[in-house]
Amino acid sequence: MQIYPSWGLLTIFIISFGLSAGASGPIIAAQMTEIFAERGLASVFSATNMGQDCSTALGAFLADTFMI
């Protein structure tokens, strides 16, 4: 927005990011429930969340470290 301010591009980004990020959470949770319904669902769900959190933190760190 600093280089080329455009409300249209911002709107397109918000809609596409919201659809992709907003849809992945419920889909992954439903798939894990179907696969691990018998035993270990809480452990698998916790491990998946920890993996997502660690990769999010690593991505933010790398983006800040290698920022041009």
N, C-alpha and C. Protein backbone atom coordinates (compact mmCIF):
# COMPACT_ATOMS: atom_id res chain seq x y z
N MET A 1 0.82 -1.19 0.00
CA MET A 1 0.00 0.00 0.00
C MET A 1 0.87 1.26 0.00
N GLN A 2 2.11 1.16 0.44
CA GLN A 2 2.95 2.35 0.47
C GLN A 2 3.44 2.73 -0.92
N ILE A 3 3.76 1.71 -1.74
CA ILE A 3 4.31 1.99 -3.06
C ILE A 3 3.20 2.32 -4.04
N TYR A 4 2.15 1.50 -4.05
CA TYR A 4 1.05 1.68 -4.99
C TYR A 4 -0.27 1.51 -4.24
N PRO A 5 -0.81 2.61 -3.68
CA PRO A 5 -2.05 2.49 -2.90
C PRO A 5 -3.25 2.17 -3.79
N SER A 6 -3.86 1.04 -3.53
CA SER A 6 -5.02 0.63 -4.31
C SER A 6 -5.98 -0.13 -3.40
N TRP A 7 -7.16 0.42 -3.20
CA TRP A 7 -8.14 -0.23 -2.35
C TRP A 7 -8.69 -1.49 -3.02
N GLY A 8 -8.71 -1.51 -4.35
CA GLY A 8 -9.19 -2.70 -5.06
C GLY A 8 -8.28 -3.89 -4.83
N LEU A 9 -6.95 -3.67 -4.94
CA LEU A 9 -6.01 -4.76 -4.70
C LEU A 9 -6.06 -5.23 -3.25
N LEU A 10 -6.23 -4.30 -2.33
CA LEU A 10 -6.34 -4.67 -0.92
C LEU A 10 -7.58 -5.52 -0.68
N THR A 11 -8.68 -5.17 -1.30
CA THR A 11 -9.92 -5.93 -1.15
C THR A 11 -9.76 -7.34 -1.71
N ILE A 12 -9.13 -7.46 -2.88
CA ILE A 12 -8.89 -8.78 -3.48
C ILE A 12 -8.01 -9.62 -2.58
N PHE A 13 -6.97 -9.01 -2.01
CA PHE A 13 -6.09 -9.75 -1.10
C PHE A 13 -6.84 -10.23 0.13
N ILE A 14 -7.63 -9.37 0.74
CA ILE A 14 -8.35 -9.73 1.96
C ILE A 14 -9.33 -10.87 1.69
N ILE A 15 -10.03 -10.80 0.58
CA ILE A 15 -11.00 -11.86 0.27
C ILE A 15 -10.30 -13.18 -0.01
N SER A 16 -9.24 -13.15 -0.83
CA SER A 16 -8.56 -14.41 -1.16
C SER A 16 -7.83 -14.99 0.06
N PHE A 17 -7.22 -14.16 0.87
CA PHE A 17 -6.54 -14.66 2.07
C PHE A 17 -7.54 -15.20 3.07
N GLY A 18 -8.65 -14.53 3.23
CA GLY A 18 -9.68 -14.99 4.16
C GLY A 18 -10.27 -16.32 3.74
N LEU A 19 -10.50 -16.50 2.44
CA LEU A 19 -11.04 -17.78 1.98
C LEU A 19 -10.05 -18.91 2.13
N SER A 20 -8.77 -18.65 1.87
CA SER A 20 -7.79 -19.72 1.96
C SER A 20 -7.44 -20.05 3.41
N ALA A 21 -7.16 -19.05 4.21
CA ALA A 21 -6.78 -19.28 5.60
C ALA A 21 -7.99 -19.66 6.46
N GLY A 22 -9.13 -19.08 6.17
CA GLY A 22 -10.32 -19.36 6.96
C GLY A 22 -10.90 -20.73 6.70
N ALA A 23 -10.64 -21.28 5.53
CA ALA A 23 -11.20 -22.58 5.19
C ALA A 23 -10.29 -23.73 5.60
N SER A 24 -9.01 -23.48 5.71
CA SER A 24 -8.08 -24.59 5.98
C SER A 24 -8.22 -25.13 7.40
N GLY A 25 -8.47 -24.29 8.37
CA GLY A 25 -8.58 -24.73 9.76
C GLY A 25 -9.71 -25.74 9.98
N PRO A 26 -10.94 -25.43 9.60
CA PRO A 26 -12.02 -26.40 9.80
C PRO A 26 -11.85 -27.68 8.98
N ILE A 27 -11.27 -27.57 7.79
CA ILE A 27 -11.07 -28.76 6.96
C ILE A 27 -10.05 -29.69 7.60
N ILE A 28 -8.95 -29.15 8.08
CA ILE A 28 -7.92 -29.97 8.72
C ILE A 28 -8.46 -30.61 9.99
N ALA A 29 -9.21 -29.86 10.77
CA ALA A 29 -9.78 -30.41 12.01
C ALA A 29 -10.77 -31.53 11.71
N ALA A 30 -11.59 -31.37 10.68
CA ALA A 30 -12.55 -32.42 10.33
C ALA A 30 -11.84 -33.67 9.82
N GLN A 31 -10.79 -33.51 9.04
CA GLN A 31 -10.04 -34.67 8.55
C GLN A 31 -9.36 -35.41 9.69
N MET A 32 -8.77 -34.67 10.62
CA MET A 32 -8.13 -35.33 11.77
C MET A 32 -9.15 -36.07 12.61
N THR A 33 -10.35 -35.53 12.76
CA THR A 33 -11.39 -36.19 13.53
C THR A 33 -11.81 -37.50 12.88
N GLU A 34 -11.91 -37.49 11.54
CA GLU A 34 -12.29 -38.72 10.84
C GLU A 34 -11.20 -39.78 10.93
N ILE A 35 -9.95 -39.38 10.80
CA ILE A 35 -8.86 -40.35 10.78
C ILE A 35 -8.55 -40.87 12.18
N PHE A 36 -8.52 -39.98 13.18
CA PHE A 36 -8.10 -40.36 14.53
C PHE A 36 -9.26 -40.29 15.53
N ALA A 37 -10.44 -40.73 15.12
CA ALA A 37 -11.62 -40.63 15.99
C ALA A 37 -11.54 -41.57 17.18
N GLU A 38 -10.89 -42.70 17.02
CA GLU A 38 -10.86 -43.69 18.10
C GLU A 38 -9.98 -43.25 19.27
N ARG A 39 -8.68 -43.08 19.00
CA ARG A 39 -7.75 -42.77 20.09
C ARG A 39 -6.73 -41.75 19.61
N GLY A 40 -6.27 -40.95 20.51
CA GLY A 40 -5.16 -40.06 20.24
C GLY A 40 -5.52 -38.79 19.49
N LEU A 41 -6.79 -38.45 19.39
CA LEU A 41 -7.16 -37.24 18.65
C LEU A 41 -6.58 -36.00 19.30
N ALA A 42 -6.62 -35.92 20.62
CA ALA A 42 -6.09 -34.74 21.30
C ALA A 42 -4.58 -34.61 21.09
N SER A 43 -3.87 -35.71 21.12
CA SER A 43 -2.42 -35.67 20.91
C SER A 43 -2.08 -35.25 19.48
N VAL A 44 -2.79 -35.80 18.52
CA VAL A 44 -2.54 -35.46 17.12
C VAL A 44 -2.91 -34.00 16.86
N PHE A 45 -4.02 -33.57 17.41
CA PHE A 45 -4.45 -32.18 17.23
C PHE A 45 -3.45 -31.22 17.86
N SER A 46 -2.95 -31.56 19.04
CA SER A 46 -1.95 -30.71 19.72
C SER A 46 -0.65 -30.66 18.94
N ALA A 47 -0.20 -31.81 18.44
CA ALA A 47 1.05 -31.84 17.66
C ALA A 47 0.91 -31.04 16.38
N THR A 48 -0.24 -31.12 15.74
CA THR A 48 -0.48 -30.35 14.52
C THR A 48 -0.45 -28.85 14.82
N ASN A 49 -1.09 -28.45 15.88
CA ASN A 49 -1.09 -27.03 16.25
C ASN A 49 0.31 -26.54 16.62
N MET A 50 1.07 -27.37 17.32
CA MET A 50 2.44 -26.97 17.68
C MET A 50 3.29 -26.82 16.42
N GLY A 51 3.12 -27.73 15.47
CA GLY A 51 3.85 -27.62 14.22
C GLY A 51 3.50 -26.37 13.45
N GLN A 52 2.22 -26.03 13.41
CA GLN A 52 1.79 -24.81 12.72
C GLN A 52 2.33 -23.57 13.43
N ASP A 53 2.30 -23.58 14.75
CA ASP A 53 2.80 -22.42 15.50
C ASP A 53 4.29 -22.23 15.33
N CYS A 54 5.04 -23.33 15.35
CA CYS A 54 6.50 -23.23 15.18
C CYS A 54 6.85 -22.76 13.77
N SER A 55 6.14 -23.25 12.77
CA SER A 55 6.44 -22.81 11.41
C SER A 55 6.02 -21.35 11.20
N THR A 56 4.97 -20.91 11.87
CA THR A 56 4.58 -19.51 11.79
C THR A 56 5.65 -18.62 12.42
N ALA A 57 6.15 -19.02 13.58
CA ALA A 57 7.20 -18.24 14.24
C ALA A 57 8.49 -18.24 13.42
N LEU A 58 8.83 -19.39 12.85
CA LEU A 58 10.03 -19.47 12.02
C LEU A 58 9.90 -18.60 10.77
N GLY A 59 8.73 -18.62 10.17
CA GLY A 59 8.50 -17.80 8.98
C GLY A 59 8.62 -16.32 9.29
N ALA A 60 8.08 -15.89 10.42
CA ALA A 60 8.19 -14.48 10.81
C ALA A 60 9.64 -14.10 11.10
N PHE A 61 10.36 -15.00 11.76
CA PHE A 61 11.78 -14.75 12.06
C PHE A 61 12.59 -14.65 10.77
N LEU A 62 12.39 -15.59 9.85
CA LEU A 62 13.14 -15.56 8.60
C LEU A 62 12.79 -14.34 7.75
N ALA A 63 11.52 -13.95 7.75
CA ALA A 63 11.13 -12.76 7.00
C ALA A 63 11.80 -11.51 7.57
N ASP A 64 11.90 -11.45 8.89
CA ASP A 64 12.55 -10.30 9.52
C ASP A 64 14.05 -10.34 9.34
N THR A 65 14.64 -11.52 9.39
CA THR A 65 16.09 -11.67 9.28
C THR A 65 16.58 -11.37 7.87
N PHE A 66 15.89 -11.89 6.87
CA PHE A 66 16.34 -11.74 5.49
C PHE A 66 15.60 -10.65 4.73
N MET A 67 15.04 -9.72 5.47
CA MET A 67 14.30 -8.63 4.83
C MET A 67 15.25 -7.76 4.02
N ILE A 68 14.91 -7.51 2.80
CA ILE A 68 15.78 -6.73 1.91
C ILE A 68 15.47 -5.26 2.04
